[in-house]
Amino acid sequence: MRVSTLRRSFLGMWLPLLFTPMLGGSAQAASDARITGLWKLVSYEVEVRSTGKTIPVMGAHPAGFAYFTPEGRVFFNLTGEDRKPAVSDKERAALLDTMVSYTGRFTVTGNQWTAKLDAAWNPAWVGTEQTRSFEINGARLRVLTPWRVMPNWAEEGETRSIVTFERATDN
């Protein structure tokens, strides 16, 4: 084996390991083991603060997953039930109201995580920090957004999303 081949092989194998802590790899893995892994969407509701009423905004059987990696990245892809392929521009635009999709680096503090988003279905979210509270009960993960007025249901006043997942395996 030539020296240049050995050098490339050595560098390719060891340099990533040497620089991982500098890049926020395992040092940033404040990715709490409680939430690390794959979670399947069970329900997505919006709660109205003034009345306590809950609205199943993505239907009774939404689909999707959240994946929290040990390296500290989260991926969300959530969709409402009964989505149909769009034919018109109006139908394509309406599909955006029945999905949530984003990814970013996350950290956990207590029972909250904060994700710094670098990609999202809604460009207004890119570059933002999204903080969520969470509760784990057995194999269930319950995620709560902060109270806020959402454009989709502004007439309801302050609302929050309550998103429930169950621990999943990908098999």
N, C-alpha and C. Protein backbone atom coordinates (compact mmCIF):
# COMPACT_ATOMS: atom_id res chain seq x y z
N MET A 1 0.85 -1.18 0.00
CA MET A 1 0.00 0.00 0.00
C MET A 1 0.89 1.23 0.00
N ARG A 2 0.54 2.21 -0.82
CA ARG A 2 1.35 3.41 -0.91
C ARG A 2 1.10 4.31 0.30
N VAL A 3 2.10 5.14 0.62
CA VAL A 3 2.02 6.04 1.77
C VAL A 3 0.84 7.00 1.62
N SER A 4 0.63 7.54 0.42
CA SER A 4 -0.47 8.50 0.23
C SER A 4 -1.83 7.83 0.48
N THR A 5 -1.97 6.57 0.10
CA THR A 5 -3.21 5.85 0.35
C THR A 5 -3.41 5.63 1.84
N LEU A 6 -2.34 5.25 2.53
CA LEU A 6 -2.42 5.06 3.98
C LEU A 6 -2.77 6.36 4.68
N ARG A 7 -2.16 7.46 4.25
CA ARG A 7 -2.41 8.76 4.87
C ARG A 7 -3.88 9.15 4.68
N ARG A 8 -4.40 8.99 3.46
CA ARG A 8 -5.80 9.32 3.20
C ARG A 8 -6.73 8.45 4.04
N SER A 9 -6.39 7.17 4.13
CA SER A 9 -7.19 6.25 4.91
C SER A 9 -7.20 6.64 6.38
N PHE A 10 -6.02 6.97 6.93
CA PHE A 10 -5.91 7.37 8.32
C PHE A 10 -6.68 8.66 8.57
N LEU A 11 -6.46 9.65 7.71
CA LEU A 11 -7.12 10.93 7.90
C LEU A 11 -8.64 10.79 7.78
N GLY A 12 -9.08 10.00 6.81
CA GLY A 12 -10.51 9.82 6.62
C GLY A 12 -11.18 9.14 7.80
N MET A 13 -10.41 8.27 8.48
CA MET A 13 -10.95 7.53 9.61
C MET A 13 -10.93 8.32 10.90
N TRP A 14 -9.85 9.06 11.17
CA TRP A 14 -9.65 9.66 12.49
C TRP A 14 -9.98 11.14 12.58
N LEU A 15 -9.82 11.89 11.52
CA LEU A 15 -10.09 13.33 11.61
C LEU A 15 -11.53 13.63 12.03
N PRO A 16 -12.54 12.95 11.47
CA PRO A 16 -13.90 13.25 11.93
C PRO A 16 -14.08 13.01 13.42
N LEU A 17 -13.45 11.97 13.94
CA LEU A 17 -13.56 11.69 15.37
C LEU A 17 -12.87 12.76 16.21
N LEU A 18 -11.75 13.25 15.73
CA LEU A 18 -11.01 14.27 16.47
C LEU A 18 -11.77 15.59 16.53
N PHE A 19 -12.47 15.93 15.45
CA PHE A 19 -13.11 17.23 15.39
C PHE A 19 -14.58 17.22 15.80
N THR A 20 -15.17 16.07 16.03
CA THR A 20 -16.58 16.00 16.42
C THR A 20 -16.90 16.86 17.63
N PRO A 21 -16.12 16.81 18.73
CA PRO A 21 -16.47 17.67 19.86
C PRO A 21 -16.47 19.15 19.51
N MET A 22 -15.59 19.57 18.61
CA MET A 22 -15.55 20.98 18.22
C MET A 22 -16.77 21.37 17.42
N LEU A 23 -17.36 20.41 16.71
CA LEU A 23 -18.50 20.70 15.87
C LEU A 23 -19.82 20.57 16.62
N GLY A 24 -19.76 20.30 17.90
CA GLY A 24 -21.00 20.19 18.66
C GLY A 24 -21.61 18.81 18.61
N GLY A 25 -20.85 17.80 18.27
CA GLY A 25 -21.36 16.44 18.19
C GLY A 25 -21.75 15.93 19.55
N SER A 26 -20.95 15.04 20.12
CA SER A 26 -21.33 14.42 21.38
C SER A 26 -21.33 15.41 22.53
N ALA A 27 -20.52 16.45 22.46
CA ALA A 27 -20.54 17.45 23.53
C ALA A 27 -21.91 18.13 23.59
N GLN A 28 -22.54 18.31 22.43
CA GLN A 28 -23.84 18.95 22.35
C GLN A 28 -24.95 17.93 22.60
N ALA A 29 -24.57 16.69 22.77
CA ALA A 29 -25.57 15.64 22.93
C ALA A 29 -26.28 15.77 24.26
N ALA A 30 -26.60 17.01 24.58
CA ALA A 30 -27.50 17.27 25.69
C ALA A 30 -28.86 16.80 25.24
N SER A 31 -28.85 15.91 24.22
CA SER A 31 -30.08 15.30 23.76
C SER A 31 -30.45 14.26 24.79
N ASP A 32 -31.27 14.65 25.68
CA ASP A 32 -31.72 13.86 26.81
C ASP A 32 -32.19 12.48 26.36
N ALA A 33 -31.69 11.44 27.00
CA ALA A 33 -32.04 10.06 26.64
C ALA A 33 -33.54 9.81 26.76
N ARG A 34 -34.23 10.61 27.57
CA ARG A 34 -35.68 10.41 27.71
C ARG A 34 -36.41 10.62 26.39
N ILE A 35 -35.95 11.56 25.57
CA ILE A 35 -36.67 11.83 24.32
C ILE A 35 -35.93 11.31 23.09
N THR A 36 -34.68 10.89 23.25
CA THR A 36 -33.93 10.40 22.10
C THR A 36 -34.63 9.20 21.49
N GLY A 37 -34.72 9.20 20.17
CA GLY A 37 -35.32 8.07 19.46
C GLY A 37 -36.47 8.50 18.57
N LEU A 38 -37.19 7.50 18.09
CA LEU A 38 -38.27 7.69 17.13
C LEU A 38 -39.62 7.68 17.85
N TRP A 39 -40.47 8.66 17.52
CA TRP A 39 -41.79 8.80 18.12
C TRP A 39 -42.84 8.89 17.02
N LYS A 40 -43.91 8.10 17.14
CA LYS A 40 -45.00 8.11 16.16
C LYS A 40 -46.13 9.02 16.64
N LEU A 41 -46.63 9.85 15.74
CA LEU A 41 -47.71 10.78 16.08
C LEU A 41 -49.00 10.03 16.39
N VAL A 42 -49.63 10.39 17.51
CA VAL A 42 -50.91 9.82 17.92
C VAL A 42 -52.03 10.84 17.73
N SER A 43 -51.79 12.08 18.17
CA SER A 43 -52.81 13.12 18.03
C SER A 43 -52.16 14.50 18.00
N TYR A 44 -52.87 15.43 17.39
CA TYR A 44 -52.44 16.83 17.33
C TYR A 44 -53.68 17.67 17.60
N GLU A 45 -53.71 18.29 18.76
CA GLU A 45 -54.86 19.10 19.16
C GLU A 45 -54.42 20.53 19.46
N VAL A 46 -55.37 21.43 19.35
CA VAL A 46 -55.15 22.81 19.77
C VAL A 46 -56.11 23.06 20.93
N GLU A 47 -55.57 23.59 22.02
CA GLU A 47 -56.37 23.91 23.20
C GLU A 47 -56.59 25.42 23.26
N VAL A 48 -57.84 25.83 23.48
CA VAL A 48 -58.20 27.24 23.61
C VAL A 48 -58.07 27.62 25.08
N ARG A 49 -57.23 28.61 25.35
CA ARG A 49 -56.94 28.98 26.74
C ARG A 49 -58.18 29.45 27.50
N SER A 50 -59.02 30.27 26.87
CA SER A 50 -60.16 30.88 27.58
C SER A 50 -61.25 29.87 27.93
N THR A 51 -61.37 28.79 27.17
CA THR A 51 -62.47 27.84 27.40
C THR A 51 -62.00 26.44 27.77
N GLY A 52 -60.75 26.12 27.49
CA GLY A 52 -60.27 24.76 27.72
C GLY A 52 -60.68 23.79 26.61
N LYS A 53 -61.41 24.29 25.63
CA LYS A 53 -61.87 23.46 24.51
C LYS A 53 -60.65 22.97 23.72
N THR A 54 -60.70 21.70 23.27
CA THR A 54 -59.64 21.19 22.40
C THR A 54 -60.22 20.89 21.02
N ILE A 55 -59.42 21.17 20.00
CA ILE A 55 -59.82 20.99 18.61
C ILE A 55 -58.82 20.05 17.96
N PRO A 56 -59.30 18.92 17.38
CA PRO A 56 -58.37 18.01 16.70
C PRO A 56 -58.03 18.54 15.30
N VAL A 57 -57.16 19.52 15.24
CA VAL A 57 -56.92 20.28 14.01
C VAL A 57 -56.35 19.45 12.86
N MET A 58 -55.76 18.30 13.15
CA MET A 58 -55.25 17.44 12.09
C MET A 58 -56.09 16.17 11.94
N GLY A 59 -57.31 16.22 12.48
CA GLY A 59 -58.21 15.08 12.36
C GLY A 59 -57.98 14.06 13.47
N ALA A 60 -58.80 13.01 13.43
CA ALA A 60 -58.74 11.97 14.46
C ALA A 60 -57.55 11.04 14.27
N HIS A 61 -57.04 10.96 13.04
CA HIS A 61 -55.95 10.02 12.75
C HIS A 61 -54.84 10.69 11.93
N PRO A 62 -54.12 11.62 12.53
CA PRO A 62 -53.00 12.24 11.80
C PRO A 62 -51.86 11.23 11.65
N ALA A 63 -50.91 11.55 10.80
CA ALA A 63 -49.76 10.66 10.58
C ALA A 63 -48.48 11.46 10.73
N GLY A 64 -47.42 10.78 11.12
CA GLY A 64 -46.13 11.44 11.17
C GLY A 64 -45.24 10.92 12.27
N PHE A 65 -44.05 11.47 12.29
CA PHE A 65 -43.04 11.05 13.25
C PHE A 65 -42.22 12.24 13.72
N ALA A 66 -41.65 12.09 14.89
CA ALA A 66 -40.60 12.98 15.39
C ALA A 66 -39.42 12.07 15.70
N TYR A 67 -38.24 12.54 15.33
CA TYR A 67 -37.03 11.75 15.59
C TYR A 67 -36.00 12.66 16.24
N PHE A 68 -35.58 12.29 17.44
CA PHE A 68 -34.56 13.02 18.19
C PHE A 68 -33.29 12.17 18.16
N THR A 69 -32.25 12.67 17.51
CA THR A 69 -31.02 11.88 17.40
C THR A 69 -30.17 12.04 18.65
N PRO A 70 -29.32 11.05 18.94
CA PRO A 70 -28.40 11.17 20.08
C PRO A 70 -27.42 12.32 19.90
N GLU A 71 -27.20 12.73 18.65
CA GLU A 71 -26.26 13.83 18.36
C GLU A 71 -26.89 15.20 18.56
N GLY A 72 -28.19 15.25 18.86
CA GLY A 72 -28.82 16.53 19.14
C GLY A 72 -29.53 17.18 17.97
N ARG A 73 -30.08 16.40 17.05
CA ARG A 73 -30.88 16.95 15.95
C ARG A 73 -32.28 16.37 16.05
N VAL A 74 -33.28 17.21 15.78
CA VAL A 74 -34.67 16.76 15.78
C VAL A 74 -35.24 16.91 14.37
N PHE A 75 -36.06 15.95 13.98
CA PHE A 75 -36.78 15.97 12.70
C PHE A 75 -38.26 15.78 13.01
N PHE A 76 -39.10 16.70 12.55
CA PHE A 76 -40.55 16.58 12.70
C PHE A 76 -41.16 16.52 11.31
N ASN A 77 -42.05 15.56 11.08
CA ASN A 77 -42.84 15.51 9.86
C ASN A 77 -44.23 15.00 10.25
N LEU A 78 -45.18 15.93 10.35
CA LEU A 78 -46.52 15.63 10.83
C LEU A 78 -47.53 16.05 9.77
N THR A 79 -48.52 15.18 9.50
CA THR A 79 -49.53 15.50 8.50
C THR A 79 -50.92 15.15 9.02
N GLY A 80 -51.91 15.91 8.56
CA GLY A 80 -53.29 15.66 8.94
C GLY A 80 -53.84 14.45 8.19
N GLU A 81 -54.97 13.94 8.70
CA GLU A 81 -55.58 12.78 8.05
C GLU A 81 -56.28 13.19 6.76
N ASP A 82 -56.49 12.21 5.89
CA ASP A 82 -57.24 12.38 4.65
C ASP A 82 -56.66 13.42 3.69
N ARG A 83 -55.35 13.57 3.67
CA ARG A 83 -54.75 14.46 2.67
C ARG A 83 -54.88 13.81 1.29
N LYS A 84 -55.23 14.61 0.31
CA LYS A 84 -55.40 14.13 -1.06
C LYS A 84 -54.41 14.84 -1.97
N PRO A 85 -53.98 14.18 -3.03
CA PRO A 85 -53.09 14.86 -3.98
C PRO A 85 -53.77 16.12 -4.53
N ALA A 86 -53.01 17.18 -4.64
CA ALA A 86 -53.55 18.46 -5.11
C ALA A 86 -53.51 18.53 -6.63
N VAL A 87 -54.53 19.18 -7.18
CA VAL A 87 -54.59 19.40 -8.62
C VAL A 87 -54.36 20.88 -8.93
N SER A 88 -55.00 21.74 -8.16
CA SER A 88 -54.91 23.18 -8.41
C SER A 88 -53.91 23.84 -7.45
N ASP A 89 -53.53 25.06 -7.79
CA ASP A 89 -52.65 25.83 -6.90
C ASP A 89 -53.31 26.05 -5.55
N LYS A 90 -54.61 26.30 -5.56
CA LYS A 90 -55.34 26.52 -4.30
C LYS A 90 -55.29 25.26 -3.42
N GLU A 91 -55.45 24.10 -4.02
CA GLU A 91 -55.38 22.84 -3.27
C GLU A 91 -53.96 22.60 -2.74
N ARG A 92 -52.95 22.91 -3.55
CA ARG A 92 -51.56 22.75 -3.10
C ARG A 92 -51.28 23.67 -1.90
N ALA A 93 -51.76 24.89 -1.97
CA ALA A 93 -51.57 25.83 -0.86
C ALA A 93 -52.28 25.33 0.40
N ALA A 94 -53.47 24.76 0.24
CA ALA A 94 -54.23 24.26 1.39
C ALA A 94 -53.51 23.10 2.07
N LEU A 95 -52.73 22.33 1.34
CA LEU A 95 -51.99 21.21 1.94
C LEU A 95 -51.01 21.69 3.01
N LEU A 96 -50.51 22.91 2.87
CA LEU A 96 -49.58 23.44 3.87
C LEU A 96 -50.24 23.62 5.23
N ASP A 97 -51.57 23.77 5.25
CA ASP A 97 -52.29 23.92 6.52
C ASP A 97 -52.44 22.59 7.26
N THR A 98 -52.12 21.49 6.60
CA THR A 98 -52.29 20.18 7.24
C THR A 98 -50.95 19.47 7.41
N MET A 99 -49.91 20.26 7.60
CA MET A 99 -48.61 19.65 7.86
C MET A 99 -47.74 20.56 8.70
N VAL A 100 -46.81 19.93 9.39
CA VAL A 100 -45.74 20.62 10.12
C VAL A 100 -44.49 19.81 9.85
N SER A 101 -43.44 20.48 9.38
CA SER A 101 -42.21 19.76 9.08
C SER A 101 -41.03 20.69 9.31
N TYR A 102 -40.09 20.23 10.14
CA TYR A 102 -38.89 21.03 10.38
C TYR A 102 -37.78 20.17 10.94
N THR A 103 -36.57 20.74 10.92
CA THR A 103 -35.41 20.10 11.53
C THR A 103 -34.47 21.16 12.07
N GLY A 104 -33.71 20.78 13.06
CA GLY A 104 -32.72 21.68 13.63
C GLY A 104 -32.00 21.02 14.79
N ARG A 105 -30.97 21.68 15.26
CA ARG A 105 -30.22 21.22 16.44
C ARG A 105 -31.07 21.54 17.66
N PHE A 106 -31.06 20.63 18.64
CA PHE A 106 -31.84 20.89 19.84
C PHE A 106 -31.03 20.63 21.09
N THR A 107 -31.44 21.31 22.15
CA THR A 107 -30.89 21.09 23.48
C THR A 107 -32.06 20.91 24.44
N VAL A 108 -31.80 20.23 25.53
CA VAL A 108 -32.83 19.97 26.53
C VAL A 108 -32.42 20.61 27.84
N THR A 109 -33.36 21.31 28.45
CA THR A 109 -33.18 21.86 29.79
C THR A 109 -34.43 21.48 30.59
N GLY A 110 -34.25 20.62 31.57
CA GLY A 110 -35.40 20.17 32.35
C GLY A 110 -36.40 19.44 31.47
N ASN A 111 -37.64 19.92 31.46
CA ASN A 111 -38.68 19.33 30.62
C ASN A 111 -39.03 20.23 29.44
N GLN A 112 -38.01 20.90 28.91
CA GLN A 112 -38.18 21.70 27.70
C GLN A 112 -37.04 21.42 26.74
N TRP A 113 -37.35 21.48 25.46
CA TRP A 113 -36.27 21.48 24.48
C TRP A 113 -36.40 22.72 23.64
N THR A 114 -35.27 23.17 23.13
CA THR A 114 -35.24 24.29 22.21
C THR A 114 -34.52 23.83 20.96
N ALA A 115 -35.18 23.98 19.82
CA ALA A 115 -34.60 23.61 18.53
C ALA A 115 -34.29 24.87 17.75
N LYS A 116 -33.06 24.96 17.25
CA LYS A 116 -32.65 26.06 16.36
C LYS A 116 -32.83 25.55 14.94
N LEU A 117 -33.88 26.03 14.27
CA LEU A 117 -34.28 25.46 13.00
C LEU A 117 -33.42 25.94 11.84
N ASP A 118 -33.01 24.97 11.02
CA ASP A 118 -32.26 25.32 9.81
C ASP A 118 -33.00 24.92 8.54
N ALA A 119 -34.15 24.26 8.68
CA ALA A 119 -35.03 23.95 7.55
C ALA A 119 -36.44 23.76 8.09
N ALA A 120 -37.45 24.21 7.33
CA ALA A 120 -38.84 24.08 7.77
C ALA A 120 -39.79 24.22 6.59
N TRP A 121 -40.99 23.61 6.72
CA TRP A 121 -42.02 23.74 5.69
C TRP A 121 -42.46 25.18 5.56
N ASN A 122 -42.35 25.95 6.62
CA ASN A 122 -42.71 27.36 6.62
C ASN A 122 -41.41 28.16 6.69
N PRO A 123 -41.03 28.86 5.61
CA PRO A 123 -39.76 29.58 5.60
C PRO A 123 -39.62 30.59 6.74
N ALA A 124 -40.73 31.08 7.29
CA ALA A 124 -40.66 32.04 8.40
C ALA A 124 -40.05 31.40 9.65
N TRP A 125 -40.07 30.08 9.74
CA TRP A 125 -39.52 29.39 10.90
C TRP A 125 -38.01 29.17 10.80
N VAL A 126 -37.46 29.21 9.59
CA VAL A 126 -36.02 28.96 9.41
C VAL A 126 -35.24 30.05 10.12
N GLY A 127 -34.27 29.63 10.94
CA GLY A 127 -33.46 30.57 11.71
C GLY A 127 -34.05 30.91 13.07
N THR A 128 -35.25 30.41 13.36
CA THR A 128 -35.88 30.70 14.66
C THR A 128 -35.53 29.61 15.67
N GLU A 129 -35.78 29.92 16.92
CA GLU A 129 -35.68 28.93 17.99
C GLU A 129 -37.09 28.58 18.41
N GLN A 130 -37.40 27.31 18.41
CA GLN A 130 -38.71 26.83 18.82
C GLN A 130 -38.55 26.07 20.13
N THR A 131 -39.21 26.54 21.17
CA THR A 131 -39.12 25.90 22.49
C THR A 131 -40.43 25.18 22.78
N ARG A 132 -40.31 23.96 23.25
CA ARG A 132 -41.46 23.14 23.58
C ARG A 132 -41.28 22.52 24.96
N SER A 133 -42.36 22.43 25.70
CA SER A 133 -42.37 21.67 26.95
C SER A 133 -42.76 20.24 26.60
N PHE A 134 -42.29 19.29 27.39
CA PHE A 134 -42.68 17.91 27.13
C PHE A 134 -42.87 17.15 28.43
N GLU A 135 -43.73 16.14 28.35
CA GLU A 135 -43.99 15.23 29.47
C GLU A 135 -43.91 13.82 28.91
N ILE A 136 -43.28 12.93 29.65
CA ILE A 136 -43.22 11.53 29.24
C ILE A 136 -43.93 10.70 30.30
N ASN A 137 -44.87 9.89 29.83
CA ASN A 137 -45.61 8.99 30.71
C ASN A 137 -45.56 7.61 30.06
N GLY A 138 -44.70 6.74 30.57
CA GLY A 138 -44.52 5.42 29.96
C GLY A 138 -43.94 5.58 28.57
N ALA A 139 -44.64 5.05 27.57
CA ALA A 139 -44.18 5.12 26.18
C ALA A 139 -44.81 6.30 25.44
N ARG A 140 -45.43 7.23 26.15
CA ARG A 140 -46.08 8.39 25.54
C ARG A 140 -45.28 9.66 25.79
N LEU A 141 -45.16 10.45 24.74
CA LEU A 141 -44.52 11.77 24.80
C LEU A 141 -45.60 12.80 24.49
N ARG A 142 -45.80 13.73 25.39
CA ARG A 142 -46.78 14.81 25.20
C ARG A 142 -46.00 16.11 25.06
N VAL A 143 -46.20 16.80 23.94
CA VAL A 143 -45.48 18.03 23.62
C VAL A 143 -46.45 19.20 23.67
N LEU A 144 -46.05 20.28 24.34
CA LEU A 144 -46.90 21.46 24.46
C LEU A 144 -46.15 22.68 23.95
N THR A 145 -46.82 23.44 23.07
CA THR A 145 -46.25 24.70 22.61
C THR A 145 -46.60 25.79 23.62
N PRO A 146 -45.92 26.92 23.56
CA PRO A 146 -46.33 28.05 24.42
C PRO A 146 -47.71 28.56 23.98
N TRP A 147 -48.40 29.23 24.89
CA TRP A 147 -49.66 29.89 24.54
C TRP A 147 -49.35 31.03 23.59
N ARG A 148 -50.15 31.17 22.52
CA ARG A 148 -49.98 32.25 21.57
C ARG A 148 -51.22 32.36 20.70
N VAL A 149 -51.35 33.48 19.98
CA VAL A 149 -52.44 33.65 19.03
C VAL A 149 -51.92 33.16 17.67
N MET A 150 -52.57 32.13 17.15
CA MET A 150 -52.16 31.54 15.87
C MET A 150 -53.03 32.10 14.74
N PRO A 151 -52.42 32.40 13.59
CA PRO A 151 -53.20 32.95 12.48
C PRO A 151 -54.32 32.02 12.00
N ASN A 152 -54.11 30.70 12.09
CA ASN A 152 -55.11 29.74 11.60
C ASN A 152 -56.42 29.81 12.38
N TRP A 153 -56.36 30.15 13.65
CA TRP A 153 -57.56 30.23 14.48
C TRP A 153 -57.47 31.42 15.43
N ALA A 154 -57.14 32.58 14.87
CA ALA A 154 -56.98 33.81 15.66
C ALA A 154 -58.27 34.17 16.41
N GLU A 155 -59.42 33.82 15.82
CA GLU A 155 -60.70 34.14 16.46
C GLU A 155 -60.87 33.43 17.81
N GLU A 156 -60.07 32.39 18.06
CA GLU A 156 -60.14 31.66 19.34
C GLU A 156 -59.32 32.33 20.44
N GLY A 157 -58.51 33.33 20.08
CA GLY A 157 -57.63 33.97 21.06
C GLY A 157 -56.38 33.13 21.29
N GLU A 158 -55.88 33.12 22.52
CA GLU A 158 -54.66 32.36 22.81
C GLU A 158 -54.94 30.86 22.77
N THR A 159 -54.06 30.15 22.08
CA THR A 159 -54.15 28.70 21.99
C THR A 159 -52.76 28.10 22.16
N ARG A 160 -52.74 26.80 22.38
CA ARG A 160 -51.47 26.08 22.35
C ARG A 160 -51.73 24.73 21.69
N SER A 161 -50.69 24.21 21.08
CA SER A 161 -50.78 22.88 20.48
C SER A 161 -50.39 21.85 21.51
N ILE A 162 -51.10 20.74 21.50
CA ILE A 162 -50.78 19.58 22.33
C ILE A 162 -50.60 18.42 21.36
N VAL A 163 -49.37 17.96 21.25
CA VAL A 163 -49.04 16.92 20.28
C VAL A 163 -48.61 15.68 21.06
N THR A 164 -49.27 14.57 20.79
CA THR A 164 -48.99 13.33 21.53
C THR A 164 -48.37 12.30 20.59
N PHE A 165 -47.30 11.67 21.08
CA PHE A 165 -46.59 10.64 20.33
C PHE A 165 -46.50 9.38 21.19
N GLU A 166 -46.23 8.25 20.53
CA GLU A 166 -45.87 7.03 21.25
C GLU A 166 -44.52 6.57 20.72
N ARG A 167 -43.71 6.01 21.62
CA ARG A 167 -42.39 5.54 21.21
C ARG A 167 -42.57 4.50 20.11
N ALA A 168 -41.74 4.59 19.09
CA ALA A 168 -41.89 3.72 17.92
C ALA A 168 -40.57 3.05 17.58
N THR A 169 -40.69 2.03 16.79
CA THR A 169 -39.53 1.41 16.15
C THR A 169 -39.80 1.48 14.66
N ASP A 170 -38.79 1.46 13.89
CA ASP A 170 -38.96 1.59 12.44
C ASP A 170 -38.89 0.21 11.78
N ASN A 171 -39.77 -0.68 12.23
CA ASN A 171 -39.80 -2.00 11.59
C ASN A 171 -41.22 -2.47 11.39
